[in-house]
């Protein structure tokens, strides 16, 4: 004997995805692939000592500060030229 069952399927709503966050994730994955190809290892498997990791991070921050300052100069120059 079989009974008719009403089957209700519940679907999870599509997650709300911030396109900027999605793009950053894409860039991280791409950057990771470049690093693995260049260094032959992942960051998880890299045997660097903690101090070396911190030194690399410091150098990256300093580079970032230079890039940010340069971009600000460019925006200021454009603003001055537009007056």
PDB file of N, CA and C in Angstrom:
ATOM      1  N   UNK A   1       0.836  -1.152   0.000  1.00  0.00           N
ATOM      2  CA  UNK A   1       0.000   0.000   0.000  1.00  0.00           C
ATOM      3  C   UNK A   1       0.898   1.237   0.000  1.00  0.00           C
ATOM      4  N   UNK A   2       0.615   2.157  -0.858  1.00  0.00           N
ATOM      5  CA  UNK A   2       1.431   3.358  -0.948  1.00  0.00           C
ATOM      6  C   UNK A   2       0.556   4.565  -0.713  1.00  0.00           C
ATOM      7  N   UNK A   3       1.110   5.489   0.002  1.00  0.00           N
ATOM      8  CA  UNK A   3       0.375   6.721   0.269  1.00  0.00           C
ATOM      9  C   UNK A   3       0.967   7.840  -0.567  1.00  0.00           C
ATOM     10  N   UNK A   4       0.115   8.726  -0.991  1.00  0.00           N
ATOM     11  CA  UNK A   4       0.604   9.899  -1.714  1.00  0.00           C
ATOM     12  C   UNK A   4       1.189  10.878  -0.693  1.00  0.00           C
ATOM     13  N   UNK A   5       2.417  11.265  -0.937  1.00  0.00           N
ATOM     14  CA  UNK A   5       3.070  12.216  -0.047  1.00  0.00           C
ATOM     15  C   UNK A   5       3.285  13.524  -0.786  1.00  0.00           C
ATOM     16  N   UNK A   6       2.969  14.568  -0.124  1.00  0.00           N
ATOM     17  CA  UNK A   6       3.295  15.880  -0.672  1.00  0.00           C
ATOM     18  C   UNK A   6       4.748  16.162  -0.301  1.00  0.00           C
ATOM     19  N   UNK A   7       5.589  16.264  -1.296  1.00  0.00           N
ATOM     20  CA  UNK A   7       7.007  16.527  -1.058  1.00  0.00           C
ATOM     21  C   UNK A   7       7.246  18.017  -1.268  1.00  0.00           C
ATOM     22  N   UNK A   8       7.772  18.607  -0.264  1.00  0.00           N
ATOM     23  CA  UNK A   8       8.086  20.026  -0.338  1.00  0.00           C
ATOM     24  C   UNK A   8       9.605  20.143  -0.303  1.00  0.00           C
ATOM     25  N   UNK A   9      10.127  20.794  -1.304  1.00  0.00           N
ATOM     26  CA  UNK A   9      11.561  21.011  -1.361  1.00  0.00           C
ATOM     27  C   UNK A   9      11.874  22.417  -0.866  1.00  0.00           C
ATOM     28  N   UNK A  10      12.767  22.473   0.070  1.00  0.00           N
ATOM     29  CA  UNK A  10      13.194  23.765   0.575  1.00  0.00           C
ATOM     30  C   UNK A  10      14.555  24.070  -0.039  1.00  0.00           C
ATOM     31  N   UNK A  11      14.636  25.203  -0.659  1.00  0.00           N
ATOM     32  CA  UNK A  11      15.898  25.626  -1.275  1.00  0.00           C
ATOM     33  C   UNK A  11      16.495  26.742  -0.436  1.00  0.00           C
ATOM     34  N   UNK A  12      17.769  26.613  -0.242  1.00  0.00           N
ATOM     35  CA  UNK A  12      18.449  27.686   0.457  1.00  0.00           C
ATOM     36  C   UNK A  12      18.407  28.929  -0.419  1.00  0.00           C
ATOM     37  N   UNK A  13      18.180  30.045   0.176  1.00  0.00           N
ATOM     38  CA  UNK A  13      18.219  31.259  -0.634  1.00  0.00           C
ATOM     39  C   UNK A  13      19.645  31.498  -1.141  1.00  0.00           C
ATOM     40  N   UNK A  14      19.735  32.093  -2.287  1.00  0.00           N
ATOM     41  CA  UNK A  14      21.057  32.411  -2.825  1.00  0.00           C
ATOM     42  C   UNK A  14      21.744  33.372  -1.858  1.00  0.00           C
ATOM     43  N   UNK A  15      23.007  33.113  -1.573  1.00  0.00           N
ATOM     44  CA  UNK A  15      23.690  34.024  -0.654  1.00  0.00           C
ATOM     45  C   UNK A  15      23.885  35.394  -1.305  1.00  0.00           C
ATOM     46  N   UNK A  16      23.856  36.402  -0.478  1.00  0.00           N
ATOM     47  CA  UNK A  16      24.140  37.738  -0.969  1.00  0.00           C
ATOM     48  C   UNK A  16      25.658  37.868  -1.009  1.00  0.00           C
ATOM     49  N   UNK A  17      26.171  38.131  -2.175  1.00  0.00           N
ATOM     50  CA  UNK A  17      27.621  38.200  -2.342  1.00  0.00           C
ATOM     51  C   UNK A  17      28.007  39.624  -2.708  1.00  0.00           C
ATOM     52  N   UNK A  18      28.896  40.173  -1.925  1.00  0.00           N
ATOM     53  CA  UNK A  18      29.441  41.498  -2.204  1.00  0.00           C
ATOM     54  C   UNK A  18      30.414  41.339  -3.376  1.00  0.00           C
ATOM     55  N   UNK A  19      30.181  42.023  -4.478  1.00  0.00           N
ATOM     56  CA  UNK A  19      31.049  41.847  -5.646  1.00  0.00           C
ATOM     57  C   UNK A  19      32.490  42.256  -5.383  1.00  0.00           C
ATOM     58  N   UNK A  20      32.701  43.190  -4.475  1.00  0.00           N
ATOM     59  CA  UNK A  20      34.072  43.592  -4.154  1.00  0.00           C
ATOM     60  C   UNK A  20      34.778  42.457  -3.407  1.00  0.00           C
ATOM     61  N   UNK A  21      34.089  41.866  -2.444  1.00  0.00           N
ATOM     62  CA  UNK A  21      34.662  40.745  -1.698  1.00  0.00           C
ATOM     63  C   UNK A  21      34.919  39.573  -2.644  1.00  0.00           C
ATOM     64  N   UNK A  22      34.002  39.323  -3.542  1.00  0.00           N
ATOM     65  CA  UNK A  22      34.167  38.247  -4.521  1.00  0.00           C
ATOM     66  C   UNK A  22      35.406  38.499  -5.378  1.00  0.00           C
ATOM     67  N   UNK A  23      35.603  39.744  -5.799  1.00  0.00           N
ATOM     68  CA  UNK A  23      36.771  40.076  -6.619  1.00  0.00           C
ATOM     69  C   UNK A  23      38.064  39.913  -5.826  1.00  0.00           C
ATOM     70  N   UNK A  24      38.051  40.300  -4.540  1.00  0.00           N
ATOM     71  CA  UNK A  24      39.235  40.118  -3.702  1.00  0.00           C
ATOM     72  C   UNK A  24      39.562  38.630  -3.558  1.00  0.00           C
ATOM     73  N   UNK A  25      38.548  37.808  -3.375  1.00  0.00           N
ATOM     74  CA  UNK A  25      38.763  36.350  -3.287  1.00  0.00           C
ATOM     75  C   UNK A  25      39.397  35.822  -4.576  1.00  0.00           C
ATOM     76  N   UNK A  26      38.892  36.293  -5.697  1.00  0.00           N
ATOM     77  CA  UNK A  26      39.445  35.877  -6.991  1.00  0.00           C
ATOM     78  C   UNK A  26      40.914  36.295  -7.097  1.00  0.00           C
ATOM     79  N   UNK A  27      41.208  37.523  -6.688  1.00  0.00           N
ATOM     80  CA  UNK A  27      42.588  38.008  -6.740  1.00  0.00           C
ATOM     81  C   UNK A  27      43.496  37.212  -5.807  1.00  0.00           C
ATOM     82  N   UNK A  28      43.003  36.873  -4.615  1.00  0.00           N
ATOM     83  CA  UNK A  28      43.793  36.072  -3.681  1.00  0.00           C
ATOM     84  C   UNK A  28      44.139  34.705  -4.269  1.00  0.00           C
ATOM     85  N   UNK A  29      43.148  34.063  -4.871  1.00  0.00           N
ATOM     86  CA  UNK A  29      43.400  32.749  -5.473  1.00  0.00           C
ATOM     87  C   UNK A  29      44.401  32.849  -6.622  1.00  0.00           C
ATOM     88  N   UNK A  30      44.265  33.894  -7.418  1.00  0.00           N
ATOM     89  CA  UNK A  30      45.188  34.096  -8.530  1.00  0.00           C
ATOM     90  C   UNK A  30      46.605  34.366  -8.016  1.00  0.00           C
ATOM     91  N   UNK A  31      46.700  35.208  -7.000  1.00  0.00           N
ATOM     92  CA  UNK A  31      48.006  35.535  -6.414  1.00  0.00           C
ATOM     93  C   UNK A  31      48.640  34.296  -5.792  1.00  0.00           C
ATOM     94  N   UNK A  32      47.839  33.464  -5.174  1.00  0.00           N
ATOM     95  CA  UNK A  32      48.331  32.226  -4.584  1.00  0.00           C
ATOM     96  C   UNK A  32      48.926  31.316  -5.652  1.00  0.00           C
ATOM     97  N   UNK A  33      48.233  31.201  -6.777  1.00  0.00           N
ATOM     98  CA  UNK A  33      48.736  30.360  -7.869  1.00  0.00           C
ATOM     99  C   UNK A  33      50.079  30.870  -8.383  1.00  0.00           C
ATOM    100  N   UNK A  34      50.219  32.182  -8.482  1.00  0.00           N
ATOM    101  CA  UNK A  34      51.491  32.773  -8.927  1.00  0.00           C
ATOM    102  C   UNK A  34      52.600  32.436  -7.926  1.00  0.00           C
ATOM    103  N   UNK A  35      52.297  32.588  -6.628  1.00  0.00           N
ATOM    104  CA  UNK A  35      53.286  32.293  -5.600  1.00  0.00           C
ATOM    105  C   UNK A  35      53.700  30.834  -5.575  1.00  0.00           C
ATOM    106  N   UNK A  36      52.744  29.950  -5.729  1.00  0.00           N
ATOM    107  CA  UNK A  36      53.051  28.513  -5.747  1.00  0.00           C
ATOM    108  C   UNK A  36      53.949  28.189  -6.929  1.00  0.00           C
ATOM    109  N   UNK A  37      53.641  28.784  -8.082  1.00  0.00           N
ATOM    110  CA  UNK A  37      54.468  28.540  -9.272  1.00  0.00           C
ATOM    111  C   UNK A  37      55.870  29.107  -9.066  1.00  0.00           C
ATOM    112  N   UNK A  38      55.956  30.303  -8.493  1.00  0.00           N
ATOM    113  CA  UNK A  38      57.254  30.972  -8.318  1.00  0.00           C
ATOM    114  C   UNK A  38      58.117  30.286  -7.262  1.00  0.00           C
ATOM    115  N   UNK A  39      57.515  29.923  -6.118  1.00  0.00           N
ATOM    116  CA  UNK A  39      58.287  29.396  -4.997  1.00  0.00           C
ATOM    117  C   UNK A  39      58.194  27.884  -4.827  1.00  0.00           C
ATOM    118  N   UNK A  40      57.292  27.249  -5.572  1.00  0.00           N
ATOM    119  CA  UNK A  40      57.182  25.800  -5.509  1.00  0.00           C
ATOM    120  C   UNK A  40      56.566  25.271  -4.227  1.00  0.00           C
ATOM    121  N   UNK A  41      55.889  26.122  -3.484  1.00  0.00           N
ATOM    122  CA  UNK A  41      55.255  25.693  -2.237  1.00  0.00           C
ATOM    123  C   UNK A  41      54.110  26.639  -1.897  1.00  0.00           C
ATOM    124  N   UNK A  42      53.251  26.186  -1.017  1.00  0.00           N
ATOM    125  CA  UNK A  42      52.172  27.047  -0.521  1.00  0.00           C
ATOM    126  C   UNK A  42      52.679  27.791   0.715  1.00  0.00           C
ATOM    127  N   UNK A  43      51.953  28.816   1.124  1.00  0.00           N
ATOM    128  CA  UNK A  43      52.341  29.488   2.365  1.00  0.00           C
ATOM    129  C   UNK A  43      52.196  28.543   3.554  1.00  0.00           C
ATOM    130  N   UNK A  44      51.236  27.651   3.495  1.00  0.00           N
ATOM    131  CA  UNK A  44      51.039  26.696   4.593  1.00  0.00           C
ATOM    132  C   UNK A  44      52.232  25.761   4.750  1.00  0.00           C
ATOM    133  N   UNK A  45      52.864  25.409   3.636  1.00  0.00           N
ATOM    134  CA  UNK A  45      53.983  24.462   3.681  1.00  0.00           C
ATOM    135  C   UNK A  45      55.351  25.133   3.678  1.00  0.00           C
ATOM    136  N   UNK A  46      55.385  26.461   3.597  1.00  0.00           N
ATOM    137  CA  UNK A  46      56.652  27.171   3.541  1.00  0.00           C
ATOM    138  C   UNK A  46      57.323  27.142   4.913  1.00  0.00           C
ATOM    139  N   UNK A  47      58.590  26.724   4.968  1.00  0.00           N
ATOM    140  CA  UNK A  47      59.250  26.544   6.260  1.00  0.00           C
ATOM    141  C   UNK A  47      59.899  27.804   6.836  1.00  0.00           C
ATOM    142  N   UNK A  48      59.569  28.986   6.321  1.00  0.00           N
ATOM    143  CA  UNK A  48      60.191  30.199   6.844  1.00  0.00           C
ATOM    144  C   UNK A  48      59.950  30.347   8.350  1.00  0.00           C
ATOM    145  N   UNK A  49      60.922  30.939   9.002  1.00  0.00           N
ATOM    146  CA  UNK A  49      60.776  31.257  10.426  1.00  0.00           C
ATOM    147  C   UNK A  49      59.819  32.442  10.562  1.00  0.00           C
ATOM    148  N   UNK A  50      59.233  32.592  11.735  1.00  0.00           N
ATOM    149  CA  UNK A  50      58.273  33.652  11.992  1.00  0.00           C
ATOM    150  C   UNK A  50      58.852  35.027  11.670  1.00  0.00           C
ATOM    151  N   UNK A  51      60.103  35.276  12.055  1.00  0.00           N
ATOM    152  CA  UNK A  51      60.697  36.579  11.795  1.00  0.00           C
ATOM    153  C   UNK A  51      60.753  36.884  10.306  1.00  0.00           C
ATOM    154  N   UNK A  52      61.044  35.880   9.504  1.00  0.00           N
ATOM    155  CA  UNK A  52      61.092  36.081   8.044  1.00  0.00           C
ATOM    156  C   UNK A  52      59.704  36.427   7.506  1.00  0.00           C
ATOM    157  N   UNK A  53      58.669  35.761   8.027  1.00  0.00           N
ATOM    158  CA  UNK A  53      57.297  36.099   7.619  1.00  0.00           C
ATOM    159  C   UNK A  53      56.986  37.548   7.954  1.00  0.00           C
ATOM    160  N   UNK A  54      57.378  37.961   9.157  1.00  0.00           N
ATOM    161  CA  UNK A  54      57.122  39.333   9.586  1.00  0.00           C
ATOM    162  C   UNK A  54      57.910  40.332   8.742  1.00  0.00           C
ATOM    163  N   UNK A  55      59.137  39.991   8.387  1.00  0.00           N
ATOM    164  CA  UNK A  55      59.942  40.868   7.537  1.00  0.00           C
ATOM    165  C   UNK A  55      59.284  41.042   6.167  1.00  0.00           C
ATOM    166  N   UNK A  56      58.820  39.933   5.583  1.00  0.00           N
ATOM    167  CA  UNK A  56      58.117  40.008   4.290  1.00  0.00           C
ATOM    168  C   UNK A  56      56.875  40.882   4.406  1.00  0.00           C
ATOM    169  N   UNK A  57      56.123  40.703   5.474  1.00  0.00           N
ATOM    170  CA  UNK A  57      54.902  41.491   5.667  1.00  0.00           C
ATOM    171  C   UNK A  57      55.240  42.975   5.815  1.00  0.00           C
ATOM    172  N   UNK A  58      56.288  43.301   6.559  1.00  0.00           N
ATOM    173  CA  UNK A  58      56.705  44.687   6.723  1.00  0.00           C
ATOM    174  C   UNK A  58      57.078  45.301   5.376  1.00  0.00           C
ATOM    175  N   UNK A  59      57.845  44.577   4.584  1.00  0.00           N
ATOM    176  CA  UNK A  59      58.246  45.084   3.273  1.00  0.00           C
ATOM    177  C   UNK A  59      57.049  45.315   2.365  1.00  0.00           C
ATOM    178  N   UNK A  60      56.080  44.408   2.420  1.00  0.00           N
ATOM    179  CA  UNK A  60      54.857  44.587   1.631  1.00  0.00           C
ATOM    180  C   UNK A  60      54.086  45.820   2.088  1.00  0.00           C
ATOM    181  N   UNK A  61      54.018  46.039   3.403  1.00  0.00           N
ATOM    182  CA  UNK A  61      53.330  47.230   3.926  1.00  0.00           C
ATOM    183  C   UNK A  61      54.026  48.505   3.487  1.00  0.00           C
ATOM    184  N   UNK A  62      55.350  48.503   3.503  1.00  0.00           N
ATOM    185  CA  UNK A  62      56.092  49.681   3.066  1.00  0.00           C
ATOM    186  C   UNK A  62      55.848  49.951   1.581  1.00  0.00           C
ATOM    187  N   UNK A  63      55.849  48.899   0.778  1.00  0.00           N
ATOM    188  CA  UNK A  63      55.536  49.062  -0.645  1.00  0.00           C
ATOM    189  C   UNK A  63      54.138  49.644  -0.807  1.00  0.00           C
ATOM    190  N   UNK A  64      53.190  49.132  -0.038  1.00  0.00           N
ATOM    191  CA  UNK A  64      51.813  49.614  -0.122  1.00  0.00           C
ATOM    192  C   UNK A  64      51.731  51.097   0.229  1.00  0.00           C
ATOM    193  N   UNK A  65      52.471  51.524   1.245  1.00  0.00           N
ATOM    194  CA  UNK A  65      52.468  52.931   1.624  1.00  0.00           C
ATOM    195  C   UNK A  65      52.981  53.803   0.482  1.00  0.00           C
ATOM    196  N   UNK A  66      54.007  53.342  -0.196  1.00  0.00           N
ATOM    197  CA  UNK A  66      54.544  54.091  -1.338  1.00  0.00           C
ATOM    198  C   UNK A  66      53.505  54.180  -2.447  1.00  0.00           C
ATOM    199  N   UNK A  67      52.846  53.076  -2.758  1.00  0.00           N
ATOM    200  CA  UNK A  67      51.837  53.071  -3.827  1.00  0.00           C
ATOM    201  C   UNK A  67      50.667  53.988  -3.473  1.00  0.00           C
ATOM    202  N   UNK A  68      50.230  53.940  -2.208  1.00  0.00           N
ATOM    203  CA  UNK A  68      49.132  54.797  -1.776  1.00  0.00           C
ATOM    204  C   UNK A  68      49.515  56.271  -1.870  1.00  0.00           C
ATOM    205  N   UNK A  69      50.719  56.602  -1.427  1.00  0.00           N
ATOM    206  CA  UNK A  69      51.171  57.995  -1.489  1.00  0.00           C
ATOM    207  C   UNK A  69      51.239  58.478  -2.923  1.00  0.00           C
ATOM    208  N   UNK A  70      51.750  57.638  -3.803  1.00  0.00           N
ATOM    209  CA  UNK A  70      51.847  57.994  -5.223  1.00  0.00           C
ATOM    210  C   UNK A  70      50.456  58.233  -5.803  1.00  0.00           C
ATOM    211  N   UNK A  71      49.501  57.396  -5.477  1.00  0.00           N
ATOM    212  CA  UNK A  71      48.137  57.553  -5.981  1.00  0.00           C
ATOM    213  C   UNK A  71      47.512  58.848  -5.456  1.00  0.00           C
ATOM    214  N   UNK A  72      47.770  59.168  -4.187  1.00  0.00           N
ATOM    215  CA  UNK A  72      47.249  60.415  -3.626  1.00  0.00           C
ATOM    216  C   UNK A  72      47.859  61.616  -4.338  1.00  0.00           C
ATOM    217  N   UNK A  73      49.155  61.558  -4.616  1.00  0.00           N
ATOM    218  CA  UNK A  73      49.790  62.646  -5.369  1.00  0.00           C
ATOM    219  C   UNK A  73      49.108  62.836  -6.716  1.00  0.00           C
ATOM    220  N   UNK A  74      48.820  61.722  -7.386  1.00  0.00           N
ATOM    221  CA  UNK A  74      48.173  61.776  -8.704  1.00  0.00           C
ATOM    222  C   UNK A  74      46.795  62.433  -8.603  1.00  0.00           C
ATOM    223  N   UNK A  75      46.020  62.040  -7.614  1.00  0.00           N
ATOM    224  CA  UNK A  75      44.690  62.640  -7.427  1.00  0.00           C
ATOM    225  C   UNK A  75      44.794  64.128  -7.098  1.00  0.00           C
ATOM    226  N   UNK A  76      45.757  64.490  -6.238  1.00  0.00           N
ATOM    227  CA  UNK A  76      45.939  65.897  -5.897  1.00  0.00           C
ATOM    228  C   UNK A  76      46.357  66.712  -7.122  1.00  0.00           C
ATOM    229  N   UNK A  77      47.234  66.143  -7.944  1.00  0.00           N
ATOM    230  CA  UNK A  77      47.692  66.822  -9.155  1.00  0.00           C
ATOM    231  C   UNK A  77      46.506  67.050 -10.109  1.00  0.00           C
ATOM    232  N   UNK A  78      45.677  66.033 -10.281  1.00  0.00           N
ATOM    233  CA  UNK A  78      44.499  66.156 -11.139  1.00  0.00           C
ATOM    234  C   UNK A  78      43.541  67.230 -10.609  1.00  0.00           C
ATOM    235  N   UNK A  79      43.373  67.260  -9.288  1.00  0.00           N
ATOM    236  CA  UNK A  79      42.494  68.254  -8.684  1.00  0.00           C
ATOM    237  C   UNK A  79      43.051  69.667  -8.881  1.00  0.00           C
ATOM    238  N   UNK A  80      44.359  69.820  -8.728  1.00  0.00           N
ATOM    239  CA  UNK A  80      44.984  71.120  -8.916  1.00  0.00           C
ATOM    240  C   UNK A  80      44.917  71.577 -10.375  1.00  0.00           C
ATOM    241  N   UNK A  81      45.094  70.629 -11.303  1.00  0.00           N
ATOM    242  CA  UNK A  81      45.057  70.949 -12.732  1.00  0.00           C
ATOM    243  C   UNK A  81      43.632  71.330 -13.174  1.00  0.00           C
ATOM    244  N   UNK A  82      42.639  70.819 -12.472  1.00  0.00           N
ATOM    245  CA  UNK A  82      41.248  71.067 -12.834  1.00  0.00           C
ATOM    246  C   UNK A  82      40.717  72.403 -12.317  1.00  0.00           C
ATOM    247  N   UNK A  83      41.478  73.068 -11.509  1.00  0.00           N
ATOM    248  CA  UNK A  83      41.000  74.338 -10.937  1.00  0.00           C
ATOM    249  C   UNK A  83      41.207  75.481 -11.858  1.00  0.00           C
TER     250      UNK A  83
END
